[in-house]
Amino acid sequence: MARYKSPTGSPIIGAAEVIRVTAIILGITDEGEPVYSGESEVEWDTQAPIEDDGKIIFVDAEGVEWTFDELVKDDGR
């Protein structure tokens, strides 16, 4: 395992992912809009990385997204 940084030197802090969430509702308006309770249930088994052309998207400390082939191995210097 190694640490990586972006080409701009910002540390990579995570991978961009999608996950299904069920937003709990109190009811539905006559126009068909949900009335949210403010709570959600996360379905962790659906967690999956976001990819761009088959490459996982990583996120740096500045919130910028990069693919692995764009990253620089952090040798600690």
PDB file of N, CA and C in Angstrom:
ATOM      1  N   MET A   1       0.845  -1.173   0.000  1.00  0.00           N
ATOM      2  CA  MET A   1       0.000   0.000   0.000  1.00  0.00           C
ATOM      3  C   MET A   1       0.891   1.238   0.000  1.00  0.00           C
ATOM      4  N   ALA A   2       0.459   2.238  -0.740  1.00  0.00           N
ATOM      5  CA  ALA A   2       1.220   3.487  -0.817  1.00  0.00           C
ATOM      6  C   ALA A   2       0.271   4.664  -0.715  1.00  0.00           C
ATOM      7  N   ARG A   3       0.815   5.816  -0.427  1.00  0.00           N
ATOM      8  CA  ARG A   3       0.051   7.063  -0.410  1.00  0.00           C
ATOM      9  C   ARG A   3       0.322   7.792  -1.723  1.00  0.00           C
ATOM     10  N   TYR A   4      -0.701   8.525  -2.162  1.00  0.00           N
ATOM     11  CA  TYR A   4      -0.581   9.263  -3.414  1.00  0.00           C
ATOM     12  C   TYR A   4      -1.009  10.703  -3.219  1.00  0.00           C
ATOM     13  N   LYS A   5      -0.571  11.541  -4.142  1.00  0.00           N
ATOM     14  CA  LYS A   5      -0.999  12.934  -4.168  1.00  0.00           C
ATOM     15  C   LYS A   5      -1.372  13.286  -5.601  1.00  0.00           C
ATOM     16  N   SER A   6      -2.045  14.414  -5.732  1.00  0.00           N
ATOM     17  CA  SER A   6      -2.446  14.871  -7.063  1.00  0.00           C
ATOM     18  C   SER A   6      -1.245  15.489  -7.764  1.00  0.00           C
ATOM     19  N   PRO A   7      -1.347  15.759  -9.047  1.00  0.00           N
ATOM     20  CA  PRO A   7      -0.254  16.431  -9.754  1.00  0.00           C
ATOM     21  C   PRO A   7       0.051  17.825  -9.199  1.00  0.00           C
ATOM     22  N   THR A   8      -0.919  18.399  -8.476  1.00  0.00           N
ATOM     23  CA  THR A   8      -0.707  19.718  -7.867  1.00  0.00           C
ATOM     24  C   THR A   8      -0.114  19.618  -6.465  1.00  0.00           C
ATOM     25  N   GLY A   9       0.082  18.398  -5.960  1.00  0.00           N
ATOM     26  CA  GLY A   9       0.689  18.176  -4.650  1.00  0.00           C
ATOM     27  C   GLY A   9      -0.296  17.985  -3.515  1.00  0.00           C
ATOM     28  N   SER A  10      -1.577  18.053  -3.790  1.00  0.00           N
ATOM     29  CA  SER A  10      -2.592  17.882  -2.755  1.00  0.00           C
ATOM     30  C   SER A  10      -2.765  16.395  -2.438  1.00  0.00           C
ATOM     31  N   PRO A  11      -2.802  16.017  -1.152  1.00  0.00           N
ATOM     32  CA  PRO A  11      -2.949  14.601  -0.805  1.00  0.00           C
ATOM     33  C   PRO A  11      -4.281  14.022  -1.280  1.00  0.00           C
ATOM     34  N   ILE A  12      -4.243  12.762  -1.691  1.00  0.00           N
ATOM     35  CA  ILE A  12      -5.458  12.044  -2.049  1.00  0.00           C
ATOM     36  C   ILE A  12      -6.096  11.563  -0.750  1.00  0.00           C
ATOM     37  N   ILE A  13      -7.353  11.943  -0.545  1.00  0.00           N
ATOM     38  CA  ILE A  13      -8.026  11.626   0.716  1.00  0.00           C
ATOM     39  C   ILE A  13      -9.144  10.593   0.570  1.00  0.00           C
ATOM     40  N   GLY A  14      -9.522  10.265  -0.667  1.00  0.00           N
ATOM     41  CA  GLY A  14     -10.606   9.305  -0.807  1.00  0.00           C
ATOM     42  C   GLY A  14     -10.893   8.948  -2.250  1.00  0.00           C
ATOM     43  N   ALA A  15     -11.879   8.094  -2.385  1.00  0.00           N
ATOM     44  CA  ALA A  15     -12.377   7.690  -3.701  1.00  0.00           C
ATOM     45  C   ALA A  15     -13.814   8.187  -3.817  1.00  0.00           C
ATOM     46  N   ALA A  16     -14.175   8.701  -4.975  1.00  0.00           N
ATOM     47  CA  ALA A  16     -15.552   9.134  -5.202  1.00  0.00           C
ATOM     48  C   ALA A  16     -16.413   7.881  -5.348  1.00  0.00           C
ATOM     49  N   GLU A  17     -17.522   7.831  -4.620  1.00  0.00           N
ATOM     50  CA  GLU A  17     -18.366   6.652  -4.655  1.00  0.00           C
ATOM     51  C   GLU A  17     -19.838   7.036  -4.676  1.00  0.00           C
ATOM     52  N   VAL A  18     -20.647   6.105  -5.121  1.00  0.00           N
ATOM     53  CA  VAL A  18     -22.099   6.259  -5.070  1.00  0.00           C
ATOM     54  C   VAL A  18     -22.642   5.220  -4.111  1.00  0.00           C
ATOM     55  N   ILE A  19     -23.749   5.561  -3.487  1.00  0.00           N
ATOM     56  CA  ILE A  19     -24.391   4.648  -2.553  1.00  0.00           C
ATOM     57  C   ILE A  19     -25.888   4.953  -2.549  1.00  0.00           C
ATOM     58  N   ARG A  20     -26.676   3.928  -2.491  1.00  0.00           N
ATOM     59  CA  ARG A  20     -28.123   4.127  -2.454  1.00  0.00           C
ATOM     60  C   ARG A  20     -28.533   4.543  -1.053  1.00  0.00           C
ATOM     61  N   VAL A  21     -29.383   5.550  -0.990  1.00  0.00           N
ATOM     62  CA  VAL A  21     -29.919   6.042   0.271  1.00  0.00           C
ATOM     63  C   VAL A  21     -31.429   6.155   0.117  1.00  0.00           C
ATOM     64  N   THR A  22     -32.151   5.657   1.090  1.00  0.00           N
ATOM     65  CA  THR A  22     -33.595   5.828   1.090  1.00  0.00           C
ATOM     66  C   THR A  22     -33.923   7.004   1.995  1.00  0.00           C
ATOM     67  N   ALA A  23     -34.432   8.074   1.407  1.00  0.00           N
ATOM     68  CA  ALA A  23     -34.846   9.245   2.174  1.00  0.00           C
ATOM     69  C   ALA A  23     -36.229   8.961   2.747  1.00  0.00           C
ATOM     70  N   ILE A  24     -36.335   8.989   4.052  1.00  0.00           N
ATOM     71  CA  ILE A  24     -37.600   8.697   4.721  1.00  0.00           C
ATOM     72  C   ILE A  24     -38.558   9.873   4.504  1.00  0.00           C
ATOM     73  N   ILE A  25     -39.805   9.545   4.152  1.00  0.00           N
ATOM     74  CA  ILE A  25     -40.795  10.600   3.907  1.00  0.00           C
ATOM     75  C   ILE A  25     -41.938  10.503   4.906  1.00  0.00           C
ATOM     76  N   LEU A  26     -42.583  11.642   5.104  1.00  0.00           N
ATOM     77  CA  LEU A  26     -43.763  11.705   5.967  1.00  0.00           C
ATOM     78  C   LEU A  26     -45.031  11.451   5.164  1.00  0.00           C
ATOM     79  N   GLY A  27     -44.962  11.713   3.874  1.00  0.00           N
ATOM     80  CA  GLY A  27     -46.103  11.537   2.995  1.00  0.00           C
ATOM     81  C   GLY A  27     -45.771  12.068   1.616  1.00  0.00           C
ATOM     82  N   ILE A  28     -46.786  12.165   0.789  1.00  0.00           N
ATOM     83  CA  ILE A  28     -46.628  12.636  -0.590  1.00  0.00           C
ATOM     84  C   ILE A  28     -47.690  13.689  -0.854  1.00  0.00           C
ATOM     85  N   THR A  29     -47.284  14.811  -1.456  1.00  0.00           N
ATOM     86  CA  THR A  29     -48.242  15.868  -1.766  1.00  0.00           C
ATOM     87  C   THR A  29     -49.166  15.427  -2.898  1.00  0.00           C
ATOM     88  N   ASP A  30     -50.232  16.186  -3.101  1.00  0.00           N
ATOM     89  CA  ASP A  30     -51.166  15.888  -4.189  1.00  0.00           C
ATOM     90  C   ASP A  30     -50.517  16.060  -5.560  1.00  0.00           C
ATOM     91  N   GLU A  31     -49.372  16.758  -5.601  1.00  0.00           N
ATOM     92  CA  GLU A  31     -48.630  16.944  -6.858  1.00  0.00           C
ATOM     93  C   GLU A  31     -47.613  15.824  -7.082  1.00  0.00           C
ATOM     94  N   GLY A  32     -47.543  14.878  -6.149  1.00  0.00           N
ATOM     95  CA  GLY A  32     -46.629  13.747  -6.299  1.00  0.00           C
ATOM     96  C   GLY A  32     -45.227  13.990  -5.763  1.00  0.00           C
ATOM     97  N   GLU A  33     -45.066  15.055  -4.955  1.00  0.00           N
ATOM     98  CA  GLU A  33     -43.746  15.362  -4.379  1.00  0.00           C
ATOM     99  C   GLU A  33     -43.631  14.764  -2.977  1.00  0.00           C
ATOM    100  N   PRO A  34     -42.485  14.151  -2.668  1.00  0.00           N
ATOM    101  CA  PRO A  34     -42.314  13.609  -1.321  1.00  0.00           C
ATOM    102  C   PRO A  34     -42.149  14.722  -0.289  1.00  0.00           C
ATOM    103  N   VAL A  35     -42.658  14.473   0.912  1.00  0.00           N
ATOM    104  CA  VAL A  35     -42.448  15.373   2.051  1.00  0.00           C
ATOM    105  C   VAL A  35     -41.456  14.646   2.954  1.00  0.00           C
ATOM    106  N   TYR A  36     -40.210  15.141   2.970  1.00  0.00           N
ATOM    107  CA  TYR A  36     -39.121  14.447   3.667  1.00  0.00           C
ATOM    108  C   TYR A  36     -39.174  14.643   5.176  1.00  0.00           C
ATOM    109  N   SER A  37     -38.776  13.606   5.896  1.00  0.00           N
ATOM    110  CA  SER A  37     -38.725  13.673   7.362  1.00  0.00           C
ATOM    111  C   SER A  37     -37.408  14.259   7.853  1.00  0.00           C
ATOM    112  N   GLY A  38     -36.398  14.257   6.985  1.00  0.00           N
ATOM    113  CA  GLY A  38     -35.076  14.714   7.403  1.00  0.00           C
ATOM    114  C   GLY A  38     -34.150  13.568   7.775  1.00  0.00           C
ATOM    115  N   GLU A  39     -34.619  12.351   7.683  1.00  0.00           N
ATOM    116  CA  GLU A  39     -33.799  11.183   7.984  1.00  0.00           C
ATOM    117  C   GLU A  39     -33.631  10.332   6.736  1.00  0.00           C
ATOM    118  N   SER A  40     -32.529   9.587   6.688  1.00  0.00           N
ATOM    119  CA  SER A  40     -32.256   8.699   5.560  1.00  0.00           C
ATOM    120  C   SER A  40     -31.669   7.390   6.065  1.00  0.00           C
ATOM    121  N   GLU A  41     -31.912   6.333   5.317  1.00  0.00           N
ATOM    122  CA  GLU A  41     -31.320   5.031   5.609  1.00  0.00           C
ATOM    123  C   GLU A  41     -30.318   4.706   4.509  1.00  0.00           C
ATOM    124  N   VAL A  42     -29.063   4.503   4.908  1.00  0.00           N
ATOM    125  CA  VAL A  42     -27.996   4.198   3.957  1.00  0.00           C
ATOM    126  C   VAL A  42     -27.960   2.697   3.713  1.00  0.00           C
ATOM    127  N   GLU A  43     -27.910   2.320   2.453  1.00  0.00           N
ATOM    128  CA  GLU A  43     -27.826   0.905   2.081  1.00  0.00           C
ATOM    129  C   GLU A  43     -26.372   0.605   1.706  1.00  0.00           C
ATOM    130  N   TRP A  44     -25.565   0.303   2.725  1.00  0.00           N
ATOM    131  CA  TRP A  44     -24.114   0.165   2.557  1.00  0.00           C
ATOM    132  C   TRP A  44     -23.710  -0.886   1.535  1.00  0.00           C
ATOM    133  N   ASP A  45     -24.507  -1.907   1.356  1.00  0.00           N
ATOM    134  CA  ASP A  45     -24.157  -2.966   0.406  1.00  0.00           C
ATOM    135  C   ASP A  45     -24.159  -2.493  -1.042  1.00  0.00           C
ATOM    136  N   THR A  46     -24.668  -1.290  -1.292  1.00  0.00           N
ATOM    137  CA  THR A  46     -24.709  -0.776  -2.660  1.00  0.00           C
ATOM    138  C   THR A  46     -23.520   0.129  -2.978  1.00  0.00           C
ATOM    139  N   GLN A  47     -22.629   0.351  -2.021  1.00  0.00           N
ATOM    140  CA  GLN A  47     -21.491   1.255  -2.202  1.00  0.00           C
ATOM    141  C   GLN A  47     -20.595   0.776  -3.342  1.00  0.00           C
ATOM    142  N   ALA A  48     -20.277   1.705  -4.270  1.00  0.00           N
ATOM    143  CA  ALA A  48     -19.448   1.357  -5.425  1.00  0.00           C
ATOM    144  C   ALA A  48     -18.673   2.591  -5.884  1.00  0.00           C
ATOM    145  N   PRO A  49     -17.437   2.399  -6.360  1.00  0.00           N
ATOM    146  CA  PRO A  49     -16.651   3.537  -6.829  1.00  0.00           C
ATOM    147  C   PRO A  49     -17.216   4.131  -8.120  1.00  0.00           C
ATOM    148  N   ILE A  50     -17.053   5.432  -8.262  1.00  0.00           N
ATOM    149  CA  ILE A  50     -17.410   6.105  -9.507  1.00  0.00           C
ATOM    150  C   ILE A  50     -16.223   5.959 -10.444  1.00  0.00           C
ATOM    151  N   GLU A  51     -16.505   5.649 -11.695  1.00  0.00           N
ATOM    152  CA  GLU A  51     -15.438   5.451 -12.677  1.00  0.00           C
ATOM    153  C   GLU A  51     -15.605   6.379 -13.868  1.00  0.00           C
ATOM    154  N   ASP A  52     -14.492   6.710 -14.477  1.00  0.00           N
ATOM    155  CA  ASP A  52     -14.471   7.477 -15.721  1.00  0.00           C
ATOM    156  C   ASP A  52     -13.723   6.632 -16.738  1.00  0.00           C
ATOM    157  N   ASP A  53     -14.431   6.134 -17.735  1.00  0.00           N
ATOM    158  CA  ASP A  53     -13.838   5.273 -18.756  1.00  0.00           C
ATOM    159  C   ASP A  53     -13.130   4.073 -18.127  1.00  0.00           C
ATOM    160  N   GLY A  54     -13.769   3.493 -17.085  1.00  0.00           N
ATOM    161  CA  GLY A  54     -13.228   2.310 -16.430  1.00  0.00           C
ATOM    162  C   GLY A  54     -12.165   2.591 -15.381  1.00  0.00           C
ATOM    163  N   LYS A  55     -11.874   3.859 -15.113  1.00  0.00           N
ATOM    164  CA  LYS A  55     -10.856   4.227 -14.120  1.00  0.00           C
ATOM    165  C   LYS A  55     -11.535   4.820 -12.887  1.00  0.00           C
ATOM    166  N   ILE A  56     -11.173   4.325 -11.702  1.00  0.00           N
ATOM    167  CA  ILE A  56     -11.728   4.831 -10.448  1.00  0.00           C
ATOM    168  C   ILE A  56     -11.342   6.295 -10.274  1.00  0.00           C
ATOM    169  N   ILE A  57     -12.299   7.091  -9.780  1.00  0.00           N
ATOM    170  CA  ILE A  57     -12.061   8.510  -9.522  1.00  0.00           C
ATOM    171  C   ILE A  57     -11.621   8.688  -8.075  1.00  0.00           C
ATOM    172  N   PHE A  58     -10.474   9.338  -7.884  1.00  0.00           N
ATOM    173  CA  PHE A  58      -9.957   9.659  -6.560  1.00  0.00           C
ATOM    174  C   PHE A  58     -10.123  11.152  -6.314  1.00  0.00           C
ATOM    175  N   VAL A  59     -10.224  11.536  -5.027  1.00  0.00           N
ATOM    176  CA  VAL A  59     -10.469  12.927  -4.658  1.00  0.00           C
ATOM    177  C   VAL A  59      -9.323  13.422  -3.781  1.00  0.00           C
ATOM    178  N   ASP A  60      -8.819  14.629  -4.105  1.00  0.00           N
ATOM    179  CA  ASP A  60      -7.746  15.196  -3.282  1.00  0.00           C
ATOM    180  C   ASP A  60      -8.330  16.098  -2.195  1.00  0.00           C
ATOM    181  N   ALA A  61      -7.470  16.604  -1.330  1.00  0.00           N
ATOM    182  CA  ALA A  61      -7.883  17.420  -0.188  1.00  0.00           C
ATOM    183  C   ALA A  61      -8.561  18.719  -0.600  1.00  0.00           C
ATOM    184  N   GLU A  62      -8.416  19.119  -1.838  1.00  0.00           N
ATOM    185  CA  GLU A  62      -9.055  20.333  -2.342  1.00  0.00           C
ATOM    186  C   GLU A  62     -10.402  20.031  -3.002  1.00  0.00           C
ATOM    187  N   GLY A  63     -10.762  18.745  -3.061  1.00  0.00           N
ATOM    188  CA  GLY A  63     -12.024  18.351  -3.672  1.00  0.00           C
ATOM    189  C   GLY A  63     -11.941  18.114  -5.169  1.00  0.00           C
ATOM    190  N   VAL A  64     -10.725  18.130  -5.725  1.00  0.00           N
ATOM    191  CA  VAL A  64     -10.530  17.909  -7.160  1.00  0.00           C
ATOM    192  C   VAL A  64     -10.447  16.407  -7.419  1.00  0.00           C
ATOM    193  N   GLU A  65     -11.051  15.975  -8.524  1.00  0.00           N
ATOM    194  CA  GLU A  65     -11.088  14.556  -8.864  1.00  0.00           C
ATOM    195  C   GLU A  65      -9.998  14.205  -9.875  1.00  0.00           C
ATOM    196  N   TRP A  66      -9.410  12.997  -9.692  1.00  0.00           N
ATOM    197  CA  TRP A  66      -8.328  12.507 -10.545  1.00  0.00           C
ATOM    198  C   TRP A  66      -8.491  11.017 -10.765  1.00  0.00           C
ATOM    199  N   THR A  67      -7.970  10.516 -11.880  1.00  0.00           N
ATOM    200  CA  THR A  67      -7.893   9.069 -12.085  1.00  0.00           C
ATOM    201  C   THR A  67      -6.507   8.608 -11.644  1.00  0.00           C
ATOM    202  N   PHE A  68      -6.388   7.311 -11.389  1.00  0.00           N
ATOM    203  CA  PHE A  68      -5.141   6.768 -10.843  1.00  0.00           C
ATOM    204  C   PHE A  68      -3.931   7.097 -11.716  1.00  0.00           C
ATOM    205  N   ASP A  69      -4.097   7.049 -13.029  1.00  0.00           N
ATOM    206  CA  ASP A  69      -2.962   7.300 -13.910  1.00  0.00           C
ATOM    207  C   ASP A  69      -2.472   8.758 -13.839  1.00  0.00           C
ATOM    208  N   GLU A  70      -3.251   9.635 -13.216  1.00  0.00           N
ATOM    209  CA  GLU A  70      -2.839  11.027 -13.057  1.00  0.00           C
ATOM    210  C   GLU A  70      -2.128  11.284 -11.722  1.00  0.00           C
ATOM    211  N   LEU A  71      -2.200  10.324 -10.802  1.00  0.00           N
ATOM    212  CA  LEU A  71      -1.661  10.519  -9.448  1.00  0.00           C
ATOM    213  C   LEU A  71      -0.143  10.365  -9.406  1.00  0.00           C
ATOM    214  N   VAL A  72       0.422  10.951  -8.354  1.00  0.00           N
ATOM    215  CA  VAL A  72       1.868  10.892  -8.121  1.00  0.00           C
ATOM    216  C   VAL A  72       2.085  10.164  -6.795  1.00  0.00           C
ATOM    217  N   LYS A  73       2.941   9.148  -6.792  1.00  0.00           N
ATOM    218  CA  LYS A  73       3.242   8.422  -5.569  1.00  0.00           C
ATOM    219  C   LYS A  73       3.918   9.372  -4.581  1.00  0.00           C
ATOM    220  N   ASP A  74       3.444   9.365  -3.347  1.00  0.00           N
ATOM    221  CA  ASP A  74       3.992  10.251  -2.308  1.00  0.00           C
ATOM    222  C   ASP A  74       5.114   9.515  -1.591  1.00  0.00           C
ATOM    223  N   ASP A  75       6.330   9.930  -1.850  1.00  0.00           N
ATOM    224  CA  ASP A  75       7.498   9.273  -1.231  1.00  0.00           C
ATOM    225  C   ASP A  75       7.861   9.887   0.112  1.00  0.00           C
ATOM    226  N   GLY A  76       7.002  10.791   0.624  1.00  0.00           N
ATOM    227  CA  GLY A  76       7.223  11.348   1.944  1.00  0.00           C
ATOM    228  C   GLY A  76       8.032  12.641   1.939  1.00  0.00           C
ATOM    229  N   ARG A  77       8.482  13.091   0.797  1.00  0.00           N
ATOM    230  CA  ARG A  77       9.259  14.335   0.752  1.00  0.00           C
ATOM    231  C   ARG A  77       8.392  15.527   0.549  1.00  0.00           C
TER     232      ARG A  77
END
